[in-house]
């Protein structure tokens, strides 16, 4: 009996496509390979959170930062924590907090999109980075454990 239940669960999971995505669906946009030479988190370990898209646009003396986090399940929260600039080299950074569900939480098993944006009115950025801190709900974490999730450089 147990074998039949197990076999049924495996077949059902394959039929639903757990962990799969339709053919031809693009991955999250990769970070710009021309990473800025300056970073607000130069010694941080590599980012290991959910996929993130990061876009930067400039209009006159203003810079618009946009990000989109694809959470693997429900229950994730994405919060803007602040923006930083380093005017001497026209570098901007956005700080984002991602809270993932605790191990004991029941969440929906579907991907969720979390979008955010920040506008800085007095900086025409030439380089930028998205700094992300990922913590588990209910756990205490280091308030300054930001990792560079994506970077951007203006086209030349």
C-alpha atoms as a PDB file:
ATOM      1  CA  UNK A   1       0.000   0.000   0.000  1.00  0.00           C
ATOM      2  CA  UNK A   2       2.776   2.432   0.956  1.00  0.00           C
ATOM      3  CA  UNK A   3       4.529   1.759  -2.355  1.00  0.00           C
ATOM      4  CA  UNK A   4       1.401   2.681  -4.295  1.00  0.00           C
ATOM      5  CA  UNK A   5       1.015   5.945  -2.380  1.00  0.00           C
ATOM      6  CA  UNK A   6       4.667   6.806  -2.918  1.00  0.00           C
ATOM      7  CA  UNK A   7       4.449   5.939  -6.634  1.00  0.00           C
ATOM      8  CA  UNK A   8       1.288   8.067  -6.952  1.00  0.00           C
ATOM      9  CA  UNK A   9       2.987  11.049  -5.276  1.00  0.00           C
ATOM     10  CA  UNK A  10       6.008  10.807  -7.562  1.00  0.00           C
ATOM     11  CA  UNK A  11       3.856  10.570 -10.702  1.00  0.00           C
ATOM     12  CA  UNK A  12       1.669  13.475  -9.509  1.00  0.00           C
ATOM     13  CA  UNK A  13       4.718  15.648  -8.823  1.00  0.00           C
ATOM     14  CA  UNK A  14       6.119  14.916 -12.286  1.00  0.00           C
ATOM     15  CA  UNK A  15       2.772  15.609 -13.937  1.00  0.00           C
ATOM     16  CA  UNK A  16       2.435  18.968 -12.187  1.00  0.00           C
ATOM     17  CA  UNK A  17       6.004  19.890 -13.046  1.00  0.00           C
ATOM     18  CA  UNK A  18       7.314  20.626  -9.566  1.00  0.00           C
ATOM     19  CA  UNK A  19      10.620  22.407  -9.899  1.00  0.00           C
ATOM     20  CA  UNK A  20      10.194  22.859 -13.650  1.00  0.00           C
ATOM     21  CA  UNK A  21       9.432  25.802 -15.859  1.00  0.00           C
ATOM     22  CA  UNK A  22       8.031  25.842 -19.372  1.00  0.00           C
ATOM     23  CA  UNK A  23      10.545  25.526 -22.182  1.00  0.00           C
ATOM     24  CA  UNK A  24      11.697  28.852 -23.490  1.00  0.00           C
ATOM     25  CA  UNK A  25      10.920  30.785 -20.292  1.00  0.00           C
ATOM     26  CA  UNK A  26      13.934  33.001 -19.585  1.00  0.00           C
ATOM     27  CA  UNK A  27      15.914  32.910 -16.364  1.00  0.00           C
ATOM     28  CA  UNK A  28      16.172  36.048 -14.268  1.00  0.00           C
ATOM     29  CA  UNK A  29      18.268  38.675 -16.009  1.00  0.00           C
ATOM     30  CA  UNK A  30      21.921  38.216 -15.069  1.00  0.00           C
ATOM     31  CA  UNK A  31      23.721  40.990 -13.274  1.00  0.00           C
ATOM     32  CA  UNK A  32      25.616  43.332 -15.562  1.00  0.00           C
ATOM     33  CA  UNK A  33      29.022  41.726 -16.137  1.00  0.00           C
ATOM     34  CA  UNK A  34      30.652  45.160 -16.045  1.00  0.00           C
ATOM     35  CA  UNK A  35      30.481  45.337 -12.249  1.00  0.00           C
ATOM     36  CA  UNK A  36      31.454  48.650 -10.678  1.00  0.00           C
ATOM     37  CA  UNK A  37      34.932  48.953  -9.221  1.00  0.00           C
ATOM     38  CA  UNK A  38      33.495  50.510  -6.041  1.00  0.00           C
ATOM     39  CA  UNK A  39      31.149  48.626  -3.698  1.00  0.00           C
ATOM     40  CA  UNK A  40      29.480  49.383  -0.384  1.00  0.00           C
ATOM     41  CA  UNK A  41      29.919  45.653   0.463  1.00  0.00           C
ATOM     42  CA  UNK A  42      33.327  44.738  -0.999  1.00  0.00           C
ATOM     43  CA  UNK A  43      34.044  41.771   1.293  1.00  0.00           C
ATOM     44  CA  UNK A  44      30.560  40.267   1.394  1.00  0.00           C
ATOM     45  CA  UNK A  45      30.124  36.594   0.496  1.00  0.00           C
ATOM     46  CA  UNK A  46      28.274  35.840  -2.752  1.00  0.00           C
ATOM     47  CA  UNK A  47      24.512  36.413  -2.839  1.00  0.00           C
ATOM     48  CA  UNK A  48      22.614  33.144  -2.444  1.00  0.00           C
ATOM     49  CA  UNK A  49      18.981  34.240  -2.343  1.00  0.00           C
ATOM     50  CA  UNK A  50      16.155  34.019  -4.866  1.00  0.00           C
ATOM     51  CA  UNK A  51      16.614  35.343  -8.429  1.00  0.00           C
ATOM     52  CA  UNK A  52      16.556  39.129  -8.786  1.00  0.00           C
ATOM     53  CA  UNK A  53      16.269  41.476 -11.755  1.00  0.00           C
ATOM     54  CA  UNK A  54      17.835  44.912 -11.292  1.00  0.00           C
ATOM     55  CA  UNK A  55      17.342  47.849 -13.642  1.00  0.00           C
ATOM     56  CA  UNK A  56      18.656  51.384 -13.448  1.00  0.00           C
ATOM     57  CA  UNK A  57      17.524  54.307 -15.581  1.00  0.00           C
ATOM     58  CA  UNK A  58      18.698  57.897 -15.493  1.00  0.00           C
ATOM     59  CA  UNK A  59      16.720  60.966 -16.499  1.00  0.00           C
ATOM     60  CA  UNK A  60      18.516  64.264 -16.168  1.00  0.00           C
ATOM     61  CA  UNK A  61      19.803  64.608 -12.600  1.00  0.00           C
ATOM     62  CA  UNK A  62      17.661  61.694 -11.321  1.00  0.00           C
ATOM     63  CA  UNK A  63      18.223  57.951 -11.145  1.00  0.00           C
ATOM     64  CA  UNK A  64      15.479  55.332 -10.895  1.00  0.00           C
ATOM     65  CA  UNK A  65      16.367  51.939  -9.388  1.00  0.00           C
ATOM     66  CA  UNK A  66      13.956  49.017  -9.925  1.00  0.00           C
ATOM     67  CA  UNK A  67      14.180  45.454  -8.689  1.00  0.00           C
ATOM     68  CA  UNK A  68      12.061  42.345  -8.978  1.00  0.00           C
ATOM     69  CA  UNK A  69      12.517  39.321  -6.713  1.00  0.00           C
ATOM     70  CA  UNK A  70      11.123  35.935  -7.750  1.00  0.00           C
ATOM     71  CA  UNK A  71      10.393  34.120  -4.488  1.00  0.00           C
ATOM     72  CA  UNK A  72      10.282  30.326  -4.857  1.00  0.00           C
ATOM     73  CA  UNK A  73       7.189  29.967  -2.617  1.00  0.00           C
ATOM     74  CA  UNK A  74       4.614  32.083  -0.853  1.00  0.00           C
ATOM     75  CA  UNK A  75       5.374  33.664   2.497  1.00  0.00           C
ATOM     76  CA  UNK A  76       8.396  35.711   1.402  1.00  0.00           C
ATOM     77  CA  UNK A  77       8.534  39.450   2.106  1.00  0.00           C
ATOM     78  CA  UNK A  78      10.678  42.033   0.313  1.00  0.00           C
ATOM     79  CA  UNK A  79      11.219  45.435   1.936  1.00  0.00           C
ATOM     80  CA  UNK A  80      13.151  48.503   0.776  1.00  0.00           C
ATOM     81  CA  UNK A  81      15.593  49.505   3.538  1.00  0.00           C
ATOM     82  CA  UNK A  82      17.268  52.531   2.010  1.00  0.00           C
ATOM     83  CA  UNK A  83      19.410  54.032  -0.684  1.00  0.00           C
ATOM     84  CA  UNK A  84      23.023  55.136  -0.529  1.00  0.00           C
ATOM     85  CA  UNK A  85      25.119  57.203  -2.866  1.00  0.00           C
ATOM     86  CA  UNK A  86      28.763  57.974  -3.326  1.00  0.00           C
ATOM     87  CA  UNK A  87      28.659  61.187  -5.408  1.00  0.00           C
ATOM     88  CA  UNK A  88      32.397  61.522  -6.183  1.00  0.00           C
ATOM     89  CA  UNK A  89      32.118  58.606  -8.621  1.00  0.00           C
ATOM     90  CA  UNK A  90      28.326  58.750  -9.265  1.00  0.00           C
ATOM     91  CA  UNK A  91      27.711  55.390  -7.560  1.00  0.00           C
ATOM     92  CA  UNK A  92      24.333  54.422  -6.143  1.00  0.00           C
ATOM     93  CA  UNK A  93      23.195  51.495  -4.034  1.00  0.00           C
ATOM     94  CA  UNK A  94      19.835  50.191  -2.927  1.00  0.00           C
ATOM     95  CA  UNK A  95      19.399  48.141   0.255  1.00  0.00           C
ATOM     96  CA  UNK A  96      16.654  45.510   0.313  1.00  0.00           C
ATOM     97  CA  UNK A  97      15.613  43.090   3.062  1.00  0.00           C
ATOM     98  CA  UNK A  98      14.224  39.690   2.057  1.00  0.00           C
ATOM     99  CA  UNK A  99      12.465  37.677   4.776  1.00  0.00           C
ATOM    100  CA  UNK A 100      11.953  34.028   3.921  1.00  0.00           C
ATOM    101  CA  UNK A 101       9.387  31.830   5.679  1.00  0.00           C
ATOM    102  CA  UNK A 102      10.478  29.841   8.715  1.00  0.00           C
ATOM    103  CA  UNK A 103      11.030  26.095   8.415  1.00  0.00           C
ATOM    104  CA  UNK A 104       7.832  25.407  10.373  1.00  0.00           C
ATOM    105  CA  UNK A 105       5.572  27.640   8.246  1.00  0.00           C
ATOM    106  CA  UNK A 106       3.109  26.273   5.698  1.00  0.00           C
ATOM    107  CA  UNK A 107       3.220  28.361   2.508  1.00  0.00           C
ATOM    108  CA  UNK A 108       1.824  28.144  -0.999  1.00  0.00           C
ATOM    109  CA  UNK A 109       4.007  26.231  -3.426  1.00  0.00           C
ATOM    110  CA  UNK A 110       4.017  28.784  -6.204  1.00  0.00           C
ATOM    111  CA  UNK A 111       6.484  31.414  -7.314  1.00  0.00           C
ATOM    112  CA  UNK A 112       5.679  34.979  -6.301  1.00  0.00           C
ATOM    113  CA  UNK A 113       6.956  38.220  -7.791  1.00  0.00           C
ATOM    114  CA  UNK A 114       7.929  41.108  -5.466  1.00  0.00           C
ATOM    115  CA  UNK A 115       8.713  44.412  -7.189  1.00  0.00           C
ATOM    116  CA  UNK A 116      10.149  47.601  -5.772  1.00  0.00           C
ATOM    117  CA  UNK A 117      11.656  50.892  -6.820  1.00  0.00           C
ATOM    118  CA  UNK A 118      13.585  53.846  -5.450  1.00  0.00           C
ATOM    119  CA  UNK A 119      14.210  57.226  -7.062  1.00  0.00           C
ATOM    120  CA  UNK A 120      17.165  59.428  -6.187  1.00  0.00           C
ATOM    121  CA  UNK A 121      16.633  62.958  -7.445  1.00  0.00           C
ATOM    122  CA  UNK A 122      20.179  64.321  -7.179  1.00  0.00           C
ATOM    123  CA  UNK A 123      22.402  61.640  -8.673  1.00  0.00           C
ATOM    124  CA  UNK A 124      22.945  60.639 -12.271  1.00  0.00           C
ATOM    125  CA  UNK A 125      24.419  57.216 -11.554  1.00  0.00           C
ATOM    126  CA  UNK A 126      27.200  55.750 -13.629  1.00  0.00           C
ATOM    127  CA  UNK A 127      27.375  52.580 -11.546  1.00  0.00           C
ATOM    128  CA  UNK A 128      24.997  50.966  -9.073  1.00  0.00           C
ATOM    129  CA  UNK A 129      24.503  47.865  -6.980  1.00  0.00           C
ATOM    130  CA  UNK A 130      21.637  46.084  -5.272  1.00  0.00           C
ATOM    131  CA  UNK A 131      22.547  45.107  -1.710  1.00  0.00           C
ATOM    132  CA  UNK A 132      20.357  42.384  -0.227  1.00  0.00           C
ATOM    133  CA  UNK A 133      20.069  40.947   3.258  1.00  0.00           C
ATOM    134  CA  UNK A 134      18.191  37.613   3.508  1.00  0.00           C
ATOM    135  CA  UNK A 135      16.868  36.490   6.903  1.00  0.00           C
ATOM    136  CA  UNK A 136      14.500  33.782   8.093  1.00  0.00           C
ATOM    137  CA  UNK A 137      11.313  34.958   9.783  1.00  0.00           C
ATOM    138  CA  UNK A 138      11.574  34.546  13.545  1.00  0.00           C
ATOM    139  CA  UNK A 139      15.377  34.353  13.535  1.00  0.00           C
ATOM    140  CA  UNK A 140      17.714  37.149  14.479  1.00  0.00           C
ATOM    141  CA  UNK A 141      20.241  38.125  11.840  1.00  0.00           C
ATOM    142  CA  UNK A 142      23.126  40.502  11.381  1.00  0.00           C
ATOM    143  CA  UNK A 143      21.720  43.952  10.591  1.00  0.00           C
ATOM    144  CA  UNK A 144      24.616  44.673   8.254  1.00  0.00           C
ATOM    145  CA  UNK A 145      24.944  41.346   6.397  1.00  0.00           C
ATOM    146  CA  UNK A 146      24.290  42.767   2.931  1.00  0.00           C
ATOM    147  CA  UNK A 147      25.419  40.943  -0.168  1.00  0.00           C
ATOM    148  CA  UNK A 148      25.731  42.311  -3.679  1.00  0.00           C
ATOM    149  CA  UNK A 149      22.841  40.647  -5.530  1.00  0.00           C
ATOM    150  CA  UNK A 150      23.267  42.621  -8.745  1.00  0.00           C
ATOM    151  CA  UNK A 151      25.333  45.443 -10.172  1.00  0.00           C
ATOM    152  CA  UNK A 152      24.944  47.839 -13.056  1.00  0.00           C
ATOM    153  CA  UNK A 153      27.154  50.119 -15.117  1.00  0.00           C
ATOM    154  CA  UNK A 154      25.926  52.806 -17.504  1.00  0.00           C
ATOM    155  CA  UNK A 155      26.577  52.099 -21.150  1.00  0.00           C
ATOM    156  CA  UNK A 156      29.574  53.940 -22.468  1.00  0.00           C
END
